[in-house]
PDB file of all heavy atoms in Angstrom:
ATOM      1  N   GLY A   1       8.598  -5.813 -13.641  1.00  0.00           N
ATOM      2  CA  GLY A   1       8.835  -5.156 -14.913  1.00  0.00           C
ATOM      3  C   GLY A   1       7.584  -4.583 -15.544  1.00  0.00           C
ATOM      4  O   GLY A   1       6.463  -4.784 -15.069  1.00  0.00           O
ATOM      5  N   ARG A   2       7.785  -3.874 -16.646  1.00  0.00           N
ATOM      6  CA  ARG A   2       6.659  -3.210 -17.314  1.00  0.00           C
ATOM      7  C   ARG A   2       5.691  -4.207 -17.934  1.00  0.00           C
ATOM      8  O   ARG A   2       4.532  -3.849 -18.213  1.00  0.00           O
ATOM      9  CB  ARG A   2       7.185  -2.237 -18.363  1.00  0.00           C
ATOM     10  CG  ARG A   2       7.938  -1.066 -17.766  1.00  0.00           C
ATOM     11  CD  ARG A   2       8.232  -0.008 -18.804  1.00  0.00           C
ATOM     12  NE  ARG A   2       9.007  -0.521 -19.914  1.00  0.00           N
ATOM     13  CZ  ARG A   2      10.317  -0.712 -19.905  1.00  0.00           C
ATOM     14  NH1 ARG A   2      11.003  -0.458 -18.802  1.00  0.00           N
ATOM     15  NH2 ARG A   2      10.951  -1.160 -20.965  1.00  0.00           N
ATOM     16  N   ASP A   3       6.117  -5.456 -18.149  1.00  0.00           N
ATOM     17  CA  ASP A   3       5.193  -6.460 -18.670  1.00  0.00           C
ATOM     18  C   ASP A   3       4.124  -6.810 -17.647  1.00  0.00           C
ATOM     19  O   ASP A   3       3.074  -7.365 -17.993  1.00  0.00           O
ATOM     20  CB  ASP A   3       5.944  -7.717 -19.118  1.00  0.00           C
ATOM     21  CG  ASP A   3       6.797  -8.327 -18.009  1.00  0.00           C
ATOM     22  OD1 ASP A   3       6.991  -7.670 -16.955  1.00  0.00           O
ATOM     23  OD2 ASP A   3       7.271  -9.460 -18.186  1.00  0.00           O
ATOM     24  N   ALA A   4       4.378  -6.466 -16.372  1.00  0.00           N
ATOM     25  CA  ALA A   4       3.389  -6.699 -15.312  1.00  0.00           C
ATOM     26  C   ALA A   4       2.568  -5.450 -15.015  1.00  0.00           C
ATOM     27  O   ALA A   4       1.701  -5.469 -14.140  1.00  0.00           O
ATOM     28  CB  ALA A   4       4.099  -7.163 -14.036  1.00  0.00           C
ATOM     29  N   ALA A   5       2.822  -4.365 -15.736  1.00  0.00           N
ATOM     30  CA  ALA A   5       2.159  -3.093 -15.478  1.00  0.00           C
ATOM     31  C   ALA A   5       1.073  -2.818 -16.512  1.00  0.00           C
ATOM     32  O   ALA A   5       1.079  -3.377 -17.605  1.00  0.00           O
ATOM     33  CB  ALA A   5       3.179  -1.957 -15.491  1.00  0.00           C
ATOM     34  N   VAL A   6       0.145  -1.965 -16.143  1.00  0.00           N
ATOM     35  CA  VAL A   6      -0.960  -1.572 -17.021  1.00  0.00           C
ATOM     36  C   VAL A   6      -0.832  -0.083 -17.326  1.00  0.00           C
ATOM     37  O   VAL A   6      -0.792   0.747 -16.409  1.00  0.00           O
ATOM     38  CB  VAL A   6      -2.323  -1.848 -16.358  1.00  0.00           C
ATOM     39  CG1 VAL A   6      -3.462  -1.347 -17.248  1.00  0.00           C
ATOM     40  CG2 VAL A   6      -2.482  -3.332 -16.069  1.00  0.00           C
ATOM     41  N   VAL A   7      -0.740   0.265 -18.611  1.00  0.00           N
ATOM     42  CA  VAL A   7      -0.651   1.669 -19.021  1.00  0.00           C
ATOM     43  C   VAL A   7      -2.037   2.304 -18.918  1.00  0.00           C
ATOM     44  O   VAL A   7      -3.007   1.791 -19.467  1.00  0.00           O
ATOM     45  CB  VAL A   7      -0.104   1.790 -20.452  1.00  0.00           C
ATOM     46  CG1 VAL A   7      -0.151   3.248 -20.915  1.00  0.00           C
ATOM     47  CG2 VAL A   7       1.319   1.255 -20.529  1.00  0.00           C
ATOM     48  N   ARG A   8      -2.108   3.414 -18.201  1.00  0.00           N
ATOM     49  CA  ARG A   8      -3.359   4.162 -18.075  1.00  0.00           C
ATOM     50  C   ARG A   8      -3.086   5.581 -18.544  1.00  0.00           C
ATOM     51  O   ARG A   8      -2.249   6.286 -17.986  1.00  0.00           O
ATOM     52  CB  ARG A   8      -3.855   4.167 -16.625  1.00  0.00           C
ATOM     53  CG  ARG A   8      -4.070   2.759 -16.051  1.00  0.00           C
ATOM     54  CD  ARG A   8      -4.732   2.832 -14.682  1.00  0.00           C
ATOM     55  NE  ARG A   8      -4.721   1.543 -14.008  1.00  0.00           N
ATOM     56  CZ  ARG A   8      -5.538   0.541 -14.246  1.00  0.00           C
ATOM     57  NH1 ARG A   8      -6.478   0.691 -15.171  1.00  0.00           N
ATOM     58  NH2 ARG A   8      -5.448  -0.582 -13.578  1.00  0.00           N
ATOM     59  N   THR A   9      -3.801   6.017 -19.577  1.00  0.00           N
ATOM     60  CA  THR A   9      -3.558   7.328 -20.165  1.00  0.00           C
ATOM     61  C   THR A   9      -4.586   8.362 -19.749  1.00  0.00           C
ATOM     62  O   THR A   9      -4.447   9.535 -20.087  1.00  0.00           O
ATOM     63  CB  THR A   9      -3.545   7.227 -21.698  1.00  0.00           C
ATOM     64  OG1 THR A   9      -4.787   6.677 -22.146  1.00  0.00           O
ATOM     65  CG2 THR A   9      -2.399   6.348 -22.172  1.00  0.00           C
ATOM     66  N   GLY A  10      -5.615   7.948 -19.035  1.00  0.00           N
ATOM     67  CA  GLY A  10      -6.645   8.897 -18.623  1.00  0.00           C
ATOM     68  C   GLY A  10      -6.203   9.739 -17.448  1.00  0.00           C
ATOM     69  O   GLY A  10      -5.175   9.504 -16.817  1.00  0.00           O
ATOM     70  N   ARG A  11      -7.008  10.744 -17.149  1.00  0.00           N
ATOM     71  CA  ARG A  11      -6.736  11.653 -16.051  1.00  0.00           C
ATOM     72  C   ARG A  11      -7.986  11.752 -15.184  1.00  0.00           C
ATOM     73  O   ARG A  11      -9.074  12.016 -15.675  1.00  0.00           O
ATOM     74  CB  ARG A  11      -6.377  13.029 -16.629  1.00  0.00           C
ATOM     75  CG  ARG A  11      -6.154  14.108 -15.620  1.00  0.00           C
ATOM     76  CD  ARG A  11      -5.570  15.361 -16.255  1.00  0.00           C
ATOM     77  NE  ARG A  11      -5.875  15.537 -17.666  1.00  0.00           N
ATOM     78  CZ  ARG A  11      -6.954  16.159 -18.125  1.00  0.00           C
ATOM     79  NH1 ARG A  11      -7.855  16.636 -17.285  1.00  0.00           N
ATOM     80  NH2 ARG A  11      -7.141  16.296 -19.418  1.00  0.00           N
ATOM     81  N   PRO A  12      -7.857  11.510 -13.857  1.00  0.00           N
ATOM     82  CA  PRO A  12      -9.046  11.559 -13.000  1.00  0.00           C
ATOM     83  C   PRO A  12      -9.677  12.944 -12.987  1.00  0.00           C
ATOM     84  O   PRO A  12      -8.995  13.961 -13.151  1.00  0.00           O
ATOM     85  CB  PRO A  12      -8.497  11.197 -11.614  1.00  0.00           C
ATOM     86  CG  PRO A  12      -7.186  10.534 -11.865  1.00  0.00           C
ATOM     87  CD  PRO A  12      -6.650  11.158 -13.112  1.00  0.00           C
ATOM     88  N   THR A  13     -10.972  12.992 -12.762  1.00  0.00           N
ATOM     89  CA  THR A  13     -11.669  14.254 -12.595  1.00  0.00           C
ATOM     90  C   THR A  13     -11.049  15.018 -11.428  1.00  0.00           C
ATOM     91  O   THR A  13     -10.815  14.461 -10.358  1.00  0.00           O
ATOM     92  CB  THR A  13     -13.161  14.010 -12.326  1.00  0.00           C
ATOM     93  OG1 THR A  13     -13.718  13.283 -13.420  1.00  0.00           O
ATOM     94  CG2 THR A  13     -13.912  15.323 -12.155  1.00  0.00           C
ATOM     95  N   GLY A  14     -10.779  16.297 -11.640  1.00  0.00           N
ATOM     96  CA  GLY A  14     -10.169  17.112 -10.600  1.00  0.00           C
ATOM     97  C   GLY A  14      -8.678  17.300 -10.761  1.00  0.00           C
ATOM     98  O   GLY A  14      -8.099  18.208 -10.166  1.00  0.00           O
ATOM     99  N   TRP A  15      -8.031  16.425 -11.568  1.00  0.00           N
ATOM    100  CA  TRP A  15      -6.607  16.575 -11.845  1.00  0.00           C
ATOM    101  C   TRP A  15      -6.472  17.375 -13.144  1.00  0.00           C
ATOM    102  O   TRP A  15      -7.024  16.988 -14.182  1.00  0.00           O
ATOM    103  CB  TRP A  15      -5.936  15.213 -11.992  1.00  0.00           C
ATOM    104  CG  TRP A  15      -5.907  14.410 -10.726  1.00  0.00           C
ATOM    105  CD1 TRP A  15      -6.963  13.872 -10.067  1.00  0.00           C
ATOM    106  CD2 TRP A  15      -4.741  14.053  -9.968  1.00  0.00           C
ATOM    107  NE1 TRP A  15      -6.544  13.194  -8.954  1.00  0.00           N
ATOM    108  CE2 TRP A  15      -5.177  13.284  -8.863  1.00  0.00           C
ATOM    109  CE3 TRP A  15      -3.375  14.285 -10.122  1.00  0.00           C
ATOM    110  CZ2 TRP A  15      -4.301  12.760  -7.926  1.00  0.00           C
ATOM    111  CZ3 TRP A  15      -2.497  13.764  -9.187  1.00  0.00           C
ATOM    112  CH2 TRP A  15      -2.970  13.014  -8.097  1.00  0.00           C
ATOM    113  N   LEU A  16      -5.738  18.470 -13.122  1.00  0.00           N
ATOM    114  CA  LEU A  16      -5.698  19.392 -14.251  1.00  0.00           C
ATOM    115  C   LEU A  16      -4.807  18.874 -15.375  1.00  0.00           C
ATOM    116  O   LEU A  16      -3.885  18.099 -15.139  1.00  0.00           O
ATOM    117  CB  LEU A  16      -5.201  20.763 -13.775  1.00  0.00           C
ATOM    118  CG  LEU A  16      -6.108  21.466 -12.754  1.00  0.00           C
ATOM    119  CD1 LEU A  16      -5.480  22.779 -12.323  1.00  0.00           C
ATOM    120  CD2 LEU A  16      -7.499  21.703 -13.328  1.00  0.00           C
ATOM    121  N   PRO A  17      -5.081  19.292 -16.612  1.00  0.00           N
ATOM    122  CA  PRO A  17      -4.296  18.825 -17.770  1.00  0.00           C
ATOM    123  C   PRO A  17      -2.934  19.478 -17.828  1.00  0.00           C
ATOM    124  O   PRO A  17      -2.622  20.413 -17.087  1.00  0.00           O
ATOM    125  CB  PRO A  17      -5.167  19.244 -18.950  1.00  0.00           C
ATOM    126  CG  PRO A  17      -5.895  20.451 -18.458  1.00  0.00           C
ATOM    127  CD  PRO A  17      -6.172  20.193 -17.000  1.00  0.00           C
ATOM    128  N   GLY A  18      -2.126  18.991 -18.758  1.00  0.00           N
ATOM    129  CA  GLY A  18      -0.782  19.524 -18.953  1.00  0.00           C
ATOM    130  C   GLY A  18       0.236  18.447 -18.684  1.00  0.00           C
ATOM    131  O   GLY A  18       0.395  17.514 -19.491  1.00  0.00           O
ATOM    132  N   PHE A  19       0.907  18.536 -17.548  1.00  0.00           N
ATOM    133  CA  PHE A  19       1.966  17.592 -17.216  1.00  0.00           C
ATOM    134  C   PHE A  19       1.479  16.147 -17.197  1.00  0.00           C
ATOM    135  O   PHE A  19       2.141  15.249 -17.723  1.00  0.00           O
ATOM    136  CB  PHE A  19       2.580  17.945 -15.860  1.00  0.00           C
ATOM    137  CG  PHE A  19       3.606  16.957 -15.394  1.00  0.00           C
ATOM    138  CD1 PHE A  19       4.886  16.968 -15.920  1.00  0.00           C
ATOM    139  CD2 PHE A  19       3.284  15.991 -14.447  1.00  0.00           C
ATOM    140  CE1 PHE A  19       5.836  16.039 -15.494  1.00  0.00           C
ATOM    141  CE2 PHE A  19       4.219  15.071 -14.031  1.00  0.00           C
ATOM    142  CZ  PHE A  19       5.506  15.090 -14.560  1.00  0.00           C
ATOM    143  N   LEU A  20       0.331  15.911 -16.597  1.00  0.00           N
ATOM    144  CA  LEU A  20      -0.172  14.532 -16.481  1.00  0.00           C
ATOM    145  C   LEU A  20      -0.359  13.889 -17.846  1.00  0.00           C
ATOM    146  O   LEU A  20      -0.198  12.675 -17.999  1.00  0.00           O
ATOM    147  CB  LEU A  20      -1.489  14.502 -15.706  1.00  0.00           C
ATOM    148  CG  LEU A  20      -1.434  14.947 -14.243  1.00  0.00           C
ATOM    149  CD1 LEU A  20      -2.812  14.820 -13.606  1.00  0.00           C
ATOM    150  CD2 LEU A  20      -0.407  14.149 -13.454  1.00  0.00           C
ATOM    151  N   ASP A  21      -0.688  14.690 -18.846  1.00  0.00           N
ATOM    152  CA  ASP A  21      -0.904  14.180 -20.195  1.00  0.00           C
ATOM    153  C   ASP A  21       0.410  14.007 -20.960  1.00  0.00           C
ATOM    154  O   ASP A  21       0.433  13.364 -22.009  1.00  0.00           O
ATOM    155  CB  ASP A  21      -1.824  15.117 -20.973  1.00  0.00           C
ATOM    156  CG  ASP A  21      -3.146  15.348 -20.258  1.00  0.00           C
ATOM    157  OD1 ASP A  21      -3.661  14.384 -19.663  1.00  0.00           O
ATOM    158  OD2 ASP A  21      -3.641  16.487 -20.273  1.00  0.00           O
ATOM    159  N   ALA A  22       1.490  14.607 -20.462  1.00  0.00           N
ATOM    160  CA  ALA A  22       2.792  14.514 -21.117  1.00  0.00           C
ATOM    161  C   ALA A  22       3.624  13.356 -20.578  1.00  0.00           C
ATOM    162  O   ALA A  22       4.782  13.206 -20.963  1.00  0.00           O
ATOM    163  CB  ALA A  22       3.555  15.826 -20.944  1.00  0.00           C
ATOM    164  N   ILE A  23       3.029  12.561 -19.690  1.00  0.00           N
ATOM    165  CA  ILE A  23       3.712  11.437 -19.062  1.00  0.00           C
ATOM    166  C   ILE A  23       2.967  10.146 -19.387  1.00  0.00           C
ATOM    167  O   ILE A  23       1.731  10.112 -19.394  1.00  0.00           O
ATOM    168  CB  ILE A  23       3.769  11.618 -17.521  1.00  0.00           C
ATOM    169  CG1 ILE A  23       4.587  12.852 -17.163  1.00  0.00           C
ATOM    170  CG2 ILE A  23       4.338  10.383 -16.830  1.00  0.00           C
ATOM    171  CD1 ILE A  23       6.051  12.772 -17.542  1.00  0.00           C
ATOM    172  N   GLU A  24       3.716   9.092 -19.655  1.00  0.00           N
ATOM    173  CA  GLU A  24       3.129   7.765 -19.816  1.00  0.00           C
ATOM    174  C   GLU A  24       3.246   7.034 -18.488  1.00  0.00           C
ATOM    175  O   GLU A  24       4.341   6.900 -17.935  1.00  0.00           O
ATOM    176  CB  GLU A  24       3.846   6.989 -20.920  1.00  0.00           C
ATOM    177  CG  GLU A  24       3.179   5.660 -21.251  1.00  0.00           C
ATOM    178  CD  GLU A  24       3.751   5.003 -22.484  1.00  0.00           C
ATOM    179  OE1 GLU A  24       4.655   5.596 -23.123  1.00  0.00           O
ATOM    180  OE2 GLU A  24       3.300   3.898 -22.824  1.00  0.00           O
ATOM    181  N   TRP A  25       2.100   6.589 -17.988  1.00  0.00           N
ATOM    182  CA  TRP A  25       2.021   5.948 -16.671  1.00  0.00           C
ATOM    183  C   TRP A  25       1.703   4.467 -16.852  1.00  0.00           C
ATOM    184  O   TRP A  25       0.672   4.118 -17.420  1.00  0.00           O
ATOM    185  CB  TRP A  25       0.914   6.588 -15.826  1.00  0.00           C
ATOM    186  CG  TRP A  25       0.974   8.078 -15.716  1.00  0.00           C
ATOM    187  CD1 TRP A  25       0.533   8.992 -16.629  1.00  0.00           C
ATOM    188  CD2 TRP A  25       1.505   8.840 -14.623  1.00  0.00           C
ATOM    189  NE1 TRP A  25       0.750  10.267 -16.175  1.00  0.00           N
ATOM    190  CE2 TRP A  25       1.342  10.203 -14.951  1.00  0.00           C
ATOM    191  CE3 TRP A  25       2.078   8.478 -13.400  1.00  0.00           C
ATOM    192  CZ2 TRP A  25       1.751  11.233 -14.094  1.00  0.00           C
ATOM    193  CZ3 TRP A  25       2.483   9.496 -12.547  1.00  0.00           C
ATOM    194  CH2 TRP A  25       2.324  10.847 -12.893  1.00  0.00           C
ATOM    195  N   ALA A  26       2.576   3.598 -16.376  1.00  0.00           N
ATOM    196  CA  ALA A  26       2.342   2.150 -16.399  1.00  0.00           C
ATOM    197  C   ALA A  26       2.271   1.683 -14.950  1.00  0.00           C
ATOM    198  O   ALA A  26       3.284   1.650 -14.242  1.00  0.00           O
ATOM    199  CB  ALA A  26       3.453   1.428 -17.152  1.00  0.00           C
ATOM    200  N   TRP A  27       1.068   1.325 -14.504  1.00  0.00           N
ATOM    201  CA  TRP A  27       0.805   1.082 -13.087  1.00  0.00           C
ATOM    202  C   TRP A  27       0.912  -0.396 -12.729  1.00  0.00           C
ATOM    203  O   TRP A  27       0.485  -1.273 -13.491  1.00  0.00           O
ATOM    204  CB  TRP A  27      -0.600   1.570 -12.730  1.00  0.00           C
ATOM    205  CG  TRP A  27      -0.738   3.057 -12.810  1.00  0.00           C
ATOM    206  CD1 TRP A  27      -1.031   3.802 -13.923  1.00  0.00           C
ATOM    207  CD2 TRP A  27      -0.562   3.980 -11.744  1.00  0.00           C
ATOM    208  NE1 TRP A  27      -1.053   5.135 -13.604  1.00  0.00           N
ATOM    209  CE2 TRP A  27      -0.778   5.283 -12.277  1.00  0.00           C
ATOM    210  CE3 TRP A  27      -0.266   3.839 -10.383  1.00  0.00           C
ATOM    211  CZ2 TRP A  27      -0.693   6.422 -11.488  1.00  0.00           C
ATOM    212  CZ3 TRP A  27      -0.186   4.990  -9.608  1.00  0.00           C
ATOM    213  CH2 TRP A  27      -0.397   6.262 -10.158  1.00  0.00           C
ATOM    214  N   LEU A  28       1.433  -0.657 -11.544  1.00  0.00           N
ATOM    215  CA  LEU A  28       1.448  -1.991 -10.951  1.00  0.00           C
ATOM    216  C   LEU A  28       0.358  -2.076  -9.891  1.00  0.00           C
ATOM    217  O   LEU A  28      -0.126  -1.058  -9.383  1.00  0.00           O
ATOM    218  CB  LEU A  28       2.814  -2.279 -10.319  1.00  0.00           C
ATOM    219  CG  LEU A  28       4.001  -2.315 -11.312  1.00  0.00           C
ATOM    220  CD1 LEU A  28       5.315  -2.209 -10.567  1.00  0.00           C
ATOM    221  CD2 LEU A  28       3.953  -3.593 -12.145  1.00  0.00           C
ATOM    222  N   ASP A  29      -0.043  -3.283  -9.553  1.00  0.00           N
ATOM    223  CA  ASP A  29      -0.995  -3.527  -8.455  1.00  0.00           C
ATOM    224  C   ASP A  29      -2.351  -2.874  -8.706  1.00  0.00           C
ATOM    225  O   ASP A  29      -3.021  -2.431  -7.768  1.00  0.00           O
ATOM    226  CB  ASP A  29      -0.436  -3.018  -7.116  1.00  0.00           C
ATOM    227  CG  ASP A  29       0.976  -3.509  -6.854  1.00  0.00           C
ATOM    228  OD1 ASP A  29       1.244  -4.697  -7.113  1.00  0.00           O
ATOM    229  OD2 ASP A  29       1.816  -2.711  -6.407  1.00  0.00           O
ATOM    230  N   ASP A  30      -2.786  -2.789  -9.969  1.00  0.00           N
ATOM    231  CA  ASP A  30      -4.073  -2.183 -10.304  1.00  0.00           C
ATOM    232  C   ASP A  30      -4.180  -0.746  -9.816  1.00  0.00           C
ATOM    233  O   ASP A  30      -5.269  -0.265  -9.478  1.00  0.00           O
ATOM    234  CB  ASP A  30      -5.233  -3.011  -9.713  1.00  0.00           C
ATOM    235  CG  ASP A  30      -5.320  -4.402 -10.315  1.00  0.00           C
ATOM    236  OD1 ASP A  30      -5.080  -4.522 -11.534  1.00  0.00           O
ATOM    237  OD2 ASP A  30      -5.610  -5.359  -9.567  1.00  0.00           O
ATOM    238  N   GLY A  31      -3.053  -0.048  -9.756  1.00  0.00           N
ATOM    239  CA  GLY A  31      -3.055   1.319  -9.264  1.00  0.00           C
ATOM    240  C   GLY A  31      -3.488   2.307 -10.327  1.00  0.00           C
ATOM    241  O   GLY A  31      -3.789   1.967 -11.466  1.00  0.00           O
ATOM    242  N   GLY A  32      -3.511   3.578  -9.935  1.00  0.00           N
ATOM    243  CA  GLY A  32      -3.885   4.666 -10.820  1.00  0.00           C
ATOM    244  C   GLY A  32      -3.901   5.961 -10.042  1.00  0.00           C
ATOM    245  O   GLY A  32      -3.861   5.967  -8.808  1.00  0.00           O
ATOM    246  N   LEU A  33      -3.948   7.086 -10.766  1.00  0.00           N
ATOM    247  CA  LEU A  33      -3.961   8.371 -10.089  1.00  0.00           C
ATOM    248  C   LEU A  33      -5.207   8.557  -9.220  1.00  0.00           C
ATOM    249  O   LEU A  33      -5.214   9.383  -8.313  1.00  0.00           O
ATOM    250  CB  LEU A  33      -3.868   9.503 -11.120  1.00  0.00           C
ATOM    251  CG  LEU A  33      -2.512   9.655 -11.812  1.00  0.00           C
ATOM    252  CD1 LEU A  33      -2.629  10.654 -12.957  1.00  0.00           C
ATOM    253  CD2 LEU A  33      -1.437  10.081 -10.830  1.00  0.00           C
ATOM    254  N   ASP A  34      -6.263   7.812  -9.532  1.00  0.00           N
ATOM    255  CA  ASP A  34      -7.488   7.911  -8.742  1.00  0.00           C
ATOM    256  C   ASP A  34      -7.575   6.821  -7.685  1.00  0.00           C
ATOM    257  O   ASP A  34      -8.617   6.643  -7.058  1.00  0.00           O
ATOM    258  CB  ASP A  34      -8.717   7.855  -9.648  1.00  0.00           C
ATOM    259  CG  ASP A  34      -8.726   6.636 -10.551  1.00  0.00           C
ATOM    260  OD1 ASP A  34      -7.717   5.904 -10.589  1.00  0.00           O
ATOM    261  OD2 ASP A  34      -9.749   6.424 -11.235  1.00  0.00           O
TER     262      ASP A  34
END
């Protein structure tokens, strides 16, 4: 569940703005776009 996830609102260098900023990402397993 989301209680086990970590919300990350940043965007990695090289990933362009727009859609990525319009989405809330809650990652499991210490994941992330980078």
